N, C-alpha and C. Protein backbone atom coordinates (compact mmCIF):
# COMPACT_ATOMS: atom_id res chain seq x y z
N MET A 1 -3.29 -16.73 42.00
CA MET A 1 -3.16 -16.07 40.72
C MET A 1 -2.54 -17.02 39.72
N HIS A 2 -2.90 -16.80 38.45
CA HIS A 2 -2.39 -17.66 37.41
C HIS A 2 -1.86 -16.80 36.27
N PHE A 3 -0.56 -16.79 36.10
CA PHE A 3 0.05 -16.02 35.03
C PHE A 3 0.69 -16.93 33.99
N GLY A 4 0.29 -18.17 33.93
CA GLY A 4 0.94 -19.16 33.09
C GLY A 4 0.53 -19.11 31.64
N GLY A 5 -0.45 -18.36 31.27
CA GLY A 5 -0.82 -18.26 29.87
C GLY A 5 -2.07 -19.03 29.56
N PHE A 6 -1.96 -19.97 28.63
CA PHE A 6 -3.14 -20.61 28.08
C PHE A 6 -3.56 -21.88 28.80
N MET A 7 -2.83 -22.34 29.75
CA MET A 7 -3.17 -23.60 30.41
C MET A 7 -4.33 -23.39 31.38
N GLU A 8 -5.23 -24.34 31.37
CA GLU A 8 -6.39 -24.25 32.25
C GLU A 8 -6.24 -25.13 33.49
N LYS A 9 -5.42 -26.14 33.39
CA LYS A 9 -5.26 -27.05 34.52
C LYS A 9 -4.09 -26.57 35.37
N SER A 10 -4.19 -26.81 36.63
CA SER A 10 -3.15 -26.33 37.54
C SER A 10 -1.92 -27.23 37.47
N ASP A 11 -0.82 -26.73 37.95
CA ASP A 11 0.42 -27.51 37.98
C ASP A 11 0.29 -28.70 38.92
N MET A 12 -0.55 -28.57 39.92
CA MET A 12 -0.76 -29.67 40.87
C MET A 12 -1.38 -30.87 40.16
N GLU A 13 -2.34 -30.61 39.26
CA GLU A 13 -2.96 -31.71 38.53
C GLU A 13 -1.94 -32.40 37.64
N PHE A 14 -1.06 -31.60 37.02
CA PHE A 14 -0.02 -32.19 36.19
C PHE A 14 0.95 -33.01 37.04
N ALA A 15 1.33 -32.46 38.17
CA ALA A 15 2.32 -33.13 39.04
C ALA A 15 1.76 -34.41 39.64
N SER A 16 0.47 -34.42 39.98
CA SER A 16 -0.11 -35.60 40.62
C SER A 16 -0.40 -36.71 39.62
N GLY A 17 -0.36 -36.40 38.31
CA GLY A 17 -0.59 -37.43 37.32
C GLY A 17 -2.06 -37.59 36.97
N LYS A 18 -2.93 -36.70 37.48
CA LYS A 18 -4.35 -36.81 37.16
C LYS A 18 -4.60 -36.50 35.69
N SER A 19 -3.78 -35.66 35.12
CA SER A 19 -3.96 -35.32 33.71
C SER A 19 -2.62 -35.47 33.00
N ASN A 20 -2.62 -35.16 31.74
CA ASN A 20 -1.41 -35.28 30.92
C ASN A 20 -0.34 -34.32 31.42
N THR A 21 0.87 -34.67 31.11
CA THR A 21 1.95 -33.73 31.41
C THR A 21 1.90 -32.61 30.38
N ARG A 22 2.62 -31.60 30.64
CA ARG A 22 2.62 -30.44 29.74
C ARG A 22 3.09 -30.85 28.34
N LYS A 23 4.13 -31.65 28.26
CA LYS A 23 4.65 -32.10 26.97
C LYS A 23 3.61 -32.94 26.24
N GLU A 24 2.92 -33.84 26.95
CA GLU A 24 1.88 -34.65 26.32
C GLU A 24 0.74 -33.77 25.81
N TRP A 25 0.41 -32.77 26.59
CA TRP A 25 -0.67 -31.87 26.20
C TRP A 25 -0.29 -31.10 24.92
N ILE A 26 0.95 -30.62 24.84
CA ILE A 26 1.42 -29.90 23.65
C ILE A 26 1.45 -30.84 22.45
N ASP A 27 1.91 -32.08 22.66
CA ASP A 27 1.94 -33.05 21.57
C ASP A 27 0.54 -33.35 21.05
N SER A 28 -0.43 -33.44 21.94
CA SER A 28 -1.81 -33.70 21.51
C SER A 28 -2.35 -32.50 20.73
N MET A 29 -1.99 -31.29 21.14
CA MET A 29 -2.42 -30.09 20.40
C MET A 29 -1.85 -30.11 18.98
N ILE A 30 -0.59 -30.47 18.85
CA ILE A 30 0.06 -30.52 17.53
C ILE A 30 -0.60 -31.57 16.65
N SER A 31 -0.85 -32.75 17.21
CA SER A 31 -1.47 -33.81 16.41
C SER A 31 -2.89 -33.43 15.99
N ASP A 32 -3.65 -32.78 16.89
CA ASP A 32 -5.00 -32.32 16.53
C ASP A 32 -4.94 -31.31 15.39
N SER A 33 -3.99 -30.42 15.45
CA SER A 33 -3.86 -29.40 14.41
C SER A 33 -3.51 -30.04 13.07
N ARG A 34 -2.65 -31.05 13.08
CA ARG A 34 -2.29 -31.75 11.85
C ARG A 34 -3.50 -32.49 11.28
N LYS A 35 -4.30 -33.10 12.16
CA LYS A 35 -5.50 -33.80 11.70
C LYS A 35 -6.46 -32.83 11.02
N ARG A 36 -6.66 -31.67 11.64
CA ARG A 36 -7.57 -30.68 11.05
C ARG A 36 -7.05 -30.21 9.69
N LYS A 37 -5.75 -30.03 9.57
CA LYS A 37 -5.16 -29.60 8.30
C LYS A 37 -5.37 -30.66 7.22
N LEU A 38 -5.16 -31.93 7.56
CA LEU A 38 -5.37 -33.02 6.60
C LEU A 38 -6.84 -33.11 6.19
N GLU A 39 -7.75 -32.90 7.13
CA GLU A 39 -9.18 -32.93 6.81
C GLU A 39 -9.54 -31.80 5.84
N ARG A 40 -9.00 -30.61 6.08
CA ARG A 40 -9.27 -29.49 5.17
C ARG A 40 -8.75 -29.79 3.78
N GLN A 41 -7.55 -30.35 3.69
CA GLN A 41 -6.97 -30.67 2.40
C GLN A 41 -7.80 -31.74 1.69
N LYS A 42 -8.25 -32.74 2.44
CA LYS A 42 -9.06 -33.80 1.87
C LYS A 42 -10.39 -33.24 1.35
N ASN A 43 -11.02 -32.35 2.13
CA ASN A 43 -12.27 -31.72 1.69
C ASN A 43 -12.07 -30.91 0.42
N LEU A 44 -10.95 -30.21 0.33
CA LEU A 44 -10.66 -29.42 -0.87
C LEU A 44 -10.51 -30.33 -2.08
N GLU A 45 -9.77 -31.41 -1.93
CA GLU A 45 -9.59 -32.35 -3.04
C GLU A 45 -10.92 -32.96 -3.46
N GLU A 46 -11.76 -33.30 -2.49
CA GLU A 46 -13.08 -33.87 -2.81
C GLU A 46 -13.94 -32.86 -3.57
N SER A 47 -13.91 -31.60 -3.14
CA SER A 47 -14.73 -30.59 -3.83
C SER A 47 -14.24 -30.36 -5.25
N VAL A 48 -12.93 -30.39 -5.46
CA VAL A 48 -12.39 -30.23 -6.81
C VAL A 48 -12.81 -31.41 -7.68
N GLU A 49 -12.71 -32.62 -7.12
CA GLU A 49 -13.09 -33.81 -7.87
C GLU A 49 -14.58 -33.79 -8.21
N LEU A 50 -15.42 -33.41 -7.25
CA LEU A 50 -16.86 -33.33 -7.51
C LEU A 50 -17.17 -32.29 -8.58
N THR A 51 -16.47 -31.17 -8.55
CA THR A 51 -16.68 -30.13 -9.56
C THR A 51 -16.31 -30.64 -10.95
N MET A 52 -15.19 -31.33 -11.05
CA MET A 52 -14.76 -31.89 -12.33
C MET A 52 -15.78 -32.92 -12.84
N ASN A 53 -16.27 -33.78 -11.95
CA ASN A 53 -17.28 -34.78 -12.34
C ASN A 53 -18.56 -34.10 -12.80
N LEU A 54 -18.98 -33.08 -12.10
CA LEU A 54 -20.20 -32.36 -12.47
C LEU A 54 -20.04 -31.70 -13.83
N ASP A 55 -18.89 -31.11 -14.09
CA ASP A 55 -18.64 -30.51 -15.40
C ASP A 55 -18.70 -31.55 -16.51
N ALA A 56 -18.10 -32.72 -16.27
CA ALA A 56 -18.10 -33.79 -17.27
C ALA A 56 -19.53 -34.28 -17.53
N LYS A 57 -20.32 -34.46 -16.47
CA LYS A 57 -21.71 -34.91 -16.64
C LYS A 57 -22.53 -33.88 -17.41
N TRP A 58 -22.30 -32.61 -17.13
CA TRP A 58 -23.03 -31.53 -17.80
C TRP A 58 -22.72 -31.54 -19.30
N LYS A 59 -21.46 -31.70 -19.64
CA LYS A 59 -21.08 -31.74 -21.06
C LYS A 59 -21.66 -32.97 -21.75
N ASP A 60 -21.67 -34.12 -21.06
CA ASP A 60 -22.27 -35.33 -21.62
C ASP A 60 -23.76 -35.13 -21.85
N MET A 61 -24.43 -34.49 -20.90
CA MET A 61 -25.86 -34.25 -21.02
C MET A 61 -26.15 -33.33 -22.20
N LEU A 62 -25.36 -32.30 -22.39
CA LEU A 62 -25.57 -31.40 -23.52
C LEU A 62 -25.34 -32.10 -24.85
N THR A 63 -24.33 -32.94 -24.92
CA THR A 63 -24.08 -33.66 -26.18
C THR A 63 -25.20 -34.66 -26.47
N SER A 64 -25.76 -35.29 -25.44
CA SER A 64 -26.86 -36.23 -25.67
C SER A 64 -28.11 -35.48 -26.13
N LEU A 65 -28.33 -34.28 -25.59
CA LEU A 65 -29.47 -33.48 -26.04
C LEU A 65 -29.25 -32.97 -27.46
N SER A 66 -28.02 -32.69 -27.81
CA SER A 66 -27.75 -32.18 -29.16
C SER A 66 -27.96 -33.27 -30.21
N GLY A 67 -27.75 -34.52 -29.84
CA GLY A 67 -27.96 -35.63 -30.77
C GLY A 67 -29.43 -35.77 -31.13
N SER A 68 -30.34 -35.38 -30.25
CA SER A 68 -31.76 -35.49 -30.53
C SER A 68 -32.30 -34.25 -31.21
N GLY A 69 -31.44 -33.28 -31.55
CA GLY A 69 -31.89 -32.10 -32.27
C GLY A 69 -32.04 -30.87 -31.38
N PHE A 70 -32.06 -31.02 -30.10
CA PHE A 70 -32.16 -29.87 -29.20
C PHE A 70 -30.78 -29.25 -28.98
N TYR A 71 -30.78 -28.00 -28.87
CA TYR A 71 -29.60 -27.24 -28.45
C TYR A 71 -28.35 -27.47 -29.32
N THR A 72 -28.53 -27.74 -30.60
CA THR A 72 -27.35 -27.96 -31.44
C THR A 72 -26.51 -26.69 -31.55
N LYS A 73 -27.18 -25.57 -31.63
CA LYS A 73 -26.42 -24.31 -31.68
C LYS A 73 -25.66 -24.09 -30.38
N LYS A 74 -26.31 -24.43 -29.29
CA LYS A 74 -25.66 -24.27 -27.99
C LYS A 74 -24.41 -25.13 -27.90
N VAL A 75 -24.51 -26.37 -28.37
CA VAL A 75 -23.38 -27.29 -28.29
C VAL A 75 -22.23 -26.77 -29.13
N LYS A 76 -22.53 -26.26 -30.33
CA LYS A 76 -21.47 -25.73 -31.19
C LYS A 76 -20.79 -24.53 -30.53
N THR A 77 -21.59 -23.66 -29.94
CA THR A 77 -20.97 -22.50 -29.28
C THR A 77 -20.18 -22.94 -28.06
N LEU A 78 -20.68 -23.97 -27.37
CA LEU A 78 -19.94 -24.48 -26.22
C LEU A 78 -18.61 -25.09 -26.65
N GLU A 79 -18.62 -25.80 -27.79
CA GLU A 79 -17.38 -26.38 -28.28
C GLU A 79 -16.39 -25.29 -28.67
N ASP A 80 -16.91 -24.23 -29.29
CA ASP A 80 -16.02 -23.11 -29.64
C ASP A 80 -15.45 -22.45 -28.39
N GLU A 81 -16.31 -22.28 -27.40
CA GLU A 81 -15.84 -21.68 -26.15
C GLU A 81 -14.85 -22.60 -25.44
N GLU A 82 -15.08 -23.91 -25.59
CA GLU A 82 -14.19 -24.86 -24.94
C GLU A 82 -12.81 -24.80 -25.58
N LYS A 83 -12.79 -24.59 -26.90
CA LYS A 83 -11.51 -24.46 -27.57
C LYS A 83 -10.77 -23.23 -27.06
N LYS A 84 -11.54 -22.18 -26.86
CA LYS A 84 -10.93 -21.01 -26.24
C LYS A 84 -10.68 -21.38 -24.78
N LYS A 85 -9.83 -20.68 -24.17
CA LYS A 85 -9.57 -20.99 -22.76
C LYS A 85 -10.73 -20.47 -21.93
N ASP A 86 -11.39 -21.40 -21.32
CA ASP A 86 -12.55 -21.06 -20.49
C ASP A 86 -12.06 -20.44 -19.19
N SER A 87 -12.55 -19.25 -18.90
CA SER A 87 -12.08 -18.54 -17.71
C SER A 87 -12.44 -19.29 -16.43
N TYR A 88 -13.57 -19.95 -16.44
CA TYR A 88 -13.97 -20.70 -15.25
C TYR A 88 -12.99 -21.84 -14.98
N ASP A 89 -12.67 -22.59 -16.04
CA ASP A 89 -11.73 -23.70 -15.87
C ASP A 89 -10.35 -23.21 -15.46
N MET A 90 -9.95 -22.09 -16.05
CA MET A 90 -8.64 -21.54 -15.67
C MET A 90 -8.64 -21.13 -14.20
N LEU A 91 -9.73 -20.53 -13.77
CA LEU A 91 -9.82 -20.12 -12.37
C LEU A 91 -9.80 -21.34 -11.45
N MET A 92 -10.51 -22.38 -11.83
CA MET A 92 -10.52 -23.59 -11.01
C MET A 92 -9.11 -24.19 -10.91
N ARG A 93 -8.40 -24.24 -12.04
CA ARG A 93 -7.04 -24.78 -12.01
C ARG A 93 -6.13 -23.93 -11.13
N GLU A 94 -6.30 -22.61 -11.23
CA GLU A 94 -5.49 -21.73 -10.39
C GLU A 94 -5.77 -21.97 -8.92
N LEU A 95 -7.05 -22.14 -8.59
CA LEU A 95 -7.40 -22.36 -7.19
C LEU A 95 -6.87 -23.69 -6.68
N VAL A 96 -6.84 -24.69 -7.55
CA VAL A 96 -6.36 -26.00 -7.13
C VAL A 96 -4.85 -25.97 -6.89
N PHE A 97 -4.12 -25.36 -7.81
CA PHE A 97 -2.67 -25.44 -7.75
C PHE A 97 -1.99 -24.26 -7.07
N GLU A 98 -2.73 -23.20 -6.85
CA GLU A 98 -2.12 -22.01 -6.25
C GLU A 98 -1.91 -22.21 -4.75
N PRO A 99 -0.72 -21.93 -4.27
CA PRO A 99 -0.48 -22.07 -2.82
C PRO A 99 -1.24 -21.00 -2.05
N LYS A 100 -1.62 -21.35 -0.86
CA LYS A 100 -2.41 -20.43 -0.03
C LYS A 100 -1.48 -19.55 0.79
N LYS A 101 -0.80 -18.64 0.14
CA LYS A 101 0.10 -17.74 0.84
C LYS A 101 -0.35 -16.32 0.62
N ALA A 102 -0.16 -15.52 1.62
CA ALA A 102 -0.51 -14.11 1.50
C ALA A 102 0.53 -13.42 0.63
N LYS A 103 0.05 -12.49 -0.18
CA LYS A 103 0.95 -11.75 -1.04
C LYS A 103 1.38 -10.47 -0.32
N ALA A 104 2.62 -10.13 -0.50
CA ALA A 104 3.16 -8.95 0.17
C ALA A 104 2.58 -7.69 -0.46
N SER A 105 2.37 -6.70 0.36
CA SER A 105 1.89 -5.42 -0.13
C SER A 105 2.92 -4.36 0.22
N ASP A 106 2.64 -3.14 -0.18
CA ASP A 106 3.56 -2.06 0.16
C ASP A 106 3.59 -1.87 1.66
N ARG A 107 4.77 -1.56 2.13
CA ARG A 107 4.95 -1.37 3.56
C ARG A 107 4.25 -0.09 3.99
N LEU A 108 3.54 -0.17 5.11
CA LEU A 108 2.89 1.01 5.64
C LEU A 108 3.92 1.86 6.37
N LYS A 109 3.77 3.16 6.23
CA LYS A 109 4.72 4.07 6.86
C LYS A 109 4.29 4.35 8.29
N THR A 110 5.29 4.54 9.13
CA THR A 110 5.01 4.88 10.52
C THR A 110 4.61 6.35 10.60
N ASP A 111 4.05 6.73 11.74
CA ASP A 111 3.64 8.11 11.92
C ASP A 111 4.84 9.05 11.80
N GLU A 112 5.99 8.64 12.32
CA GLU A 112 7.18 9.48 12.26
C GLU A 112 7.60 9.70 10.81
N GLU A 113 7.54 8.64 9.99
CA GLU A 113 7.93 8.78 8.59
C GLU A 113 6.98 9.70 7.84
N ILE A 114 5.69 9.57 8.12
CA ILE A 114 4.70 10.43 7.47
C ILE A 114 4.93 11.88 7.86
N ILE A 115 5.17 12.12 9.15
CA ILE A 115 5.40 13.48 9.62
C ILE A 115 6.67 14.05 8.99
N LYS A 116 7.72 13.23 8.92
CA LYS A 116 8.99 13.70 8.34
C LYS A 116 8.80 14.05 6.87
N GLU A 117 8.10 13.21 6.11
CA GLU A 117 7.86 13.49 4.70
C GLU A 117 7.06 14.77 4.53
N GLU A 118 6.05 14.95 5.34
CA GLU A 118 5.23 16.16 5.27
C GLU A 118 6.07 17.39 5.59
N LYS A 119 6.92 17.27 6.60
CA LYS A 119 7.79 18.39 6.99
C LYS A 119 8.74 18.74 5.85
N ASP A 120 9.36 17.71 5.26
CA ASP A 120 10.27 17.95 4.14
C ASP A 120 9.56 18.61 2.97
N LYS A 121 8.35 18.15 2.70
CA LYS A 121 7.56 18.71 1.60
C LYS A 121 7.26 20.19 1.86
N LEU A 122 6.85 20.49 3.09
CA LEU A 122 6.54 21.89 3.42
C LEU A 122 7.79 22.76 3.36
N GLN A 123 8.93 22.24 3.81
CA GLN A 123 10.17 23.01 3.74
C GLN A 123 10.56 23.28 2.29
N LYS A 124 10.39 22.30 1.44
CA LYS A 124 10.71 22.48 0.02
C LYS A 124 9.81 23.53 -0.59
N LEU A 125 8.52 23.45 -0.29
CA LEU A 125 7.58 24.44 -0.82
C LEU A 125 7.91 25.84 -0.32
N GLU A 126 8.32 25.96 0.94
CA GLU A 126 8.69 27.26 1.50
C GLU A 126 9.93 27.81 0.81
N LYS A 127 10.92 26.96 0.54
CA LYS A 127 12.13 27.41 -0.16
C LYS A 127 11.78 27.90 -1.56
N GLU A 128 10.91 27.17 -2.24
CA GLU A 128 10.50 27.58 -3.58
C GLU A 128 9.76 28.91 -3.53
N ARG A 129 8.91 29.08 -2.53
CA ARG A 129 8.17 30.33 -2.39
C ARG A 129 9.13 31.49 -2.14
N LEU A 130 10.11 31.26 -1.26
CA LEU A 130 11.09 32.31 -0.97
C LEU A 130 11.92 32.63 -2.20
N ALA A 131 12.28 31.61 -2.97
CA ALA A 131 13.06 31.85 -4.19
C ALA A 131 12.25 32.67 -5.18
N ARG A 132 10.97 32.36 -5.31
CA ARG A 132 10.12 33.16 -6.20
C ARG A 132 10.02 34.58 -5.69
N MET A 133 9.88 34.72 -4.38
CA MET A 133 9.77 36.05 -3.79
C MET A 133 11.07 36.83 -4.01
N GLU A 134 12.21 36.19 -3.85
CA GLU A 134 13.49 36.85 -4.09
C GLU A 134 13.62 37.26 -5.54
N GLY A 135 13.18 36.43 -6.44
CA GLY A 135 13.22 36.77 -7.86
C GLY A 135 12.38 38.00 -8.14
N ALA A 136 11.21 38.09 -7.54
CA ALA A 136 10.35 39.26 -7.71
C ALA A 136 11.00 40.47 -7.06
N MET A 137 11.66 40.26 -5.91
CA MET A 137 12.31 41.37 -5.21
C MET A 137 13.50 41.86 -6.01
N GLU A 138 14.24 40.98 -6.68
CA GLU A 138 15.38 41.41 -7.47
C GLU A 138 14.92 42.30 -8.61
N LEU A 139 13.77 41.97 -9.22
CA LEU A 139 13.24 42.84 -10.26
C LEU A 139 12.87 44.20 -9.69
N GLU A 140 12.26 44.21 -8.52
CA GLU A 140 11.88 45.46 -7.88
C GLU A 140 13.13 46.25 -7.50
N ASP A 141 14.18 45.56 -7.02
CA ASP A 141 15.43 46.24 -6.66
C ASP A 141 16.08 46.85 -7.89
N ALA A 142 16.03 46.15 -9.02
CA ALA A 142 16.61 46.70 -10.25
C ALA A 142 15.87 47.96 -10.66
N GLU A 143 14.54 47.95 -10.52
CA GLU A 143 13.77 49.15 -10.82
C GLU A 143 14.15 50.28 -9.88
N ASP A 144 14.36 49.97 -8.61
CA ASP A 144 14.77 50.98 -7.63
C ASP A 144 16.14 51.55 -7.99
N GLU A 145 17.07 50.69 -8.48
CA GLU A 145 18.40 51.15 -8.86
C GLU A 145 18.30 52.16 -9.99
N ILE A 146 17.46 51.88 -10.95
CA ILE A 146 17.31 52.79 -12.08
C ILE A 146 16.80 54.14 -11.60
N LYS A 147 15.84 54.12 -10.69
CA LYS A 147 15.30 55.36 -10.15
C LYS A 147 16.37 56.09 -9.34
N ASP A 148 17.17 55.33 -8.55
CA ASP A 148 18.19 55.94 -7.69
C ASP A 148 19.32 56.55 -8.51
N GLU A 149 19.69 55.95 -9.61
CA GLU A 149 20.77 56.50 -10.43
C GLU A 149 20.41 57.86 -10.97
N GLY A 150 19.17 58.09 -11.26
CA GLY A 150 18.74 59.39 -11.76
C GLY A 150 18.54 60.39 -10.64
N GLY A 151 18.66 59.97 -9.37
CA GLY A 151 18.38 60.83 -8.22
C GLY A 151 19.61 61.59 -7.77
N ASP A 152 19.53 62.21 -6.56
CA ASP A 152 20.58 63.05 -6.02
C ASP A 152 21.53 62.28 -5.13
N SER A 153 21.55 61.01 -5.19
CA SER A 153 22.39 60.21 -4.30
C SER A 153 23.86 60.44 -4.62
N GLU A 154 24.65 60.78 -3.59
CA GLU A 154 26.07 61.07 -3.78
C GLU A 154 26.89 59.78 -3.86
N GLU A 155 26.42 58.75 -3.23
CA GLU A 155 27.19 57.51 -3.19
C GLU A 155 27.05 56.71 -4.48
N GLY A 156 26.08 57.04 -5.28
CA GLY A 156 25.88 56.29 -6.51
C GLY A 156 25.02 55.07 -6.31
N GLY A 157 24.53 54.84 -5.13
CA GLY A 157 23.68 53.70 -4.87
C GLY A 157 22.98 53.88 -3.56
N SER A 158 22.11 53.00 -3.23
CA SER A 158 21.35 53.11 -2.00
C SER A 158 21.91 52.17 -0.95
N GLU A 159 21.39 52.27 0.25
CA GLU A 159 21.81 51.38 1.32
C GLU A 159 21.43 49.93 1.00
N GLU A 160 20.33 49.78 0.31
CA GLU A 160 19.87 48.45 -0.04
C GLU A 160 20.88 47.76 -0.95
N GLU A 161 21.41 48.49 -1.90
CA GLU A 161 22.38 47.90 -2.81
C GLU A 161 23.65 47.52 -2.08
N ASP A 162 24.09 48.38 -1.15
CA ASP A 162 25.31 48.11 -0.40
C ASP A 162 25.16 46.84 0.42
N SER A 163 24.01 46.69 1.09
CA SER A 163 23.83 45.51 1.93
C SER A 163 23.72 44.25 1.08
N GLU A 164 23.16 44.37 -0.13
CA GLU A 164 23.08 43.20 -1.00
C GLU A 164 24.47 42.81 -1.50
N GLU A 165 25.30 43.80 -1.75
CA GLU A 165 26.65 43.50 -2.22
C GLU A 165 27.45 42.81 -1.13
N ASP A 166 27.26 43.25 0.12
CA ASP A 166 27.97 42.62 1.22
C ASP A 166 27.43 41.23 1.50
N GLY A 167 26.17 40.98 1.15
CA GLY A 167 25.53 39.70 1.44
C GLY A 167 25.09 39.60 2.88
N SER A 168 25.07 40.74 3.59
CA SER A 168 24.74 40.70 5.01
C SER A 168 23.25 40.80 5.27
N GLU A 169 22.48 41.16 4.27
CA GLU A 169 21.04 41.32 4.49
C GLU A 169 20.38 39.94 4.44
N ASN A 170 19.54 39.67 5.40
CA ASN A 170 18.87 38.37 5.40
C ASN A 170 17.41 38.52 4.99
N GLN A 171 16.70 37.41 4.96
CA GLN A 171 15.31 37.40 4.49
C GLN A 171 14.41 38.26 5.35
N ASP A 172 14.59 38.22 6.66
CA ASP A 172 13.71 39.00 7.54
C ASP A 172 13.86 40.49 7.28
N GLU A 173 15.09 40.95 7.03
CA GLU A 173 15.31 42.37 6.74
C GLU A 173 14.65 42.74 5.43
N ARG A 174 14.75 41.88 4.44
CA ARG A 174 14.10 42.17 3.16
C ARG A 174 12.59 42.24 3.30
N ARG A 175 12.04 41.30 4.05
CA ARG A 175 10.59 41.32 4.25
C ARG A 175 10.16 42.60 4.95
N GLY A 176 10.93 42.99 5.98
CA GLY A 176 10.60 44.21 6.71
C GLY A 176 10.68 45.43 5.81
N ARG A 177 11.68 45.49 4.94
CA ARG A 177 11.84 46.60 4.01
C ARG A 177 10.66 46.66 3.06
N LEU A 178 10.26 45.50 2.53
CA LEU A 178 9.13 45.48 1.60
C LEU A 178 7.85 45.90 2.30
N PHE A 179 7.70 45.48 3.54
CA PHE A 179 6.50 45.83 4.28
C PHE A 179 6.46 47.33 4.55
N ARG A 180 7.62 47.93 4.89
CA ARG A 180 7.67 49.37 5.16
C ARG A 180 7.32 50.18 3.94
N PHE A 181 7.73 49.72 2.76
CA PHE A 181 7.48 50.48 1.55
C PHE A 181 6.11 50.17 0.95
N GLY A 182 5.33 49.40 1.65
CA GLY A 182 3.96 49.15 1.22
C GLY A 182 3.84 48.01 0.23
N ARG A 183 4.89 47.27 0.00
CA ARG A 183 4.83 46.11 -0.89
C ARG A 183 4.72 44.86 -0.04
N ARG A 184 3.89 43.96 -0.46
CA ARG A 184 3.71 42.73 0.31
C ARG A 184 3.97 41.54 -0.54
């Protein structure tokens, strides 16, 4: 079995001297990677230089054609555009000088954070709904008080008023009372 990772050669080959030692192999990997990086950078510089040369030749060709009477309007518009900042040239300069680094984005939320936010949102909405319902129930209770005051009640109030004054009535009792009286 081989659990050593990325190495393809056995430890016996390294120990016997048939191949490079592990350190030599790692050093060769690093040097190869540096060579590839330098080649990429050199290719990029060459492509930028070739693009600049091509642009210069194109402008020279247009000016030579404008001297013979062709494309004079084109040359004038090109000169005006050149005075303005040419978006292509600006983009090329940005690509040449801009470092190749990834830009940070907003952090993604974990499943737990998403679930917690959703739970908090639902709890808030439920509290608001209950508050609205209590507000509607208080109006209904006030109407009931007015009706009860004109009635035959000896205590001067109903059981509902007494429990509200004590603060002992909870939401479930109120819901049950509303359901019994046919209000939903």
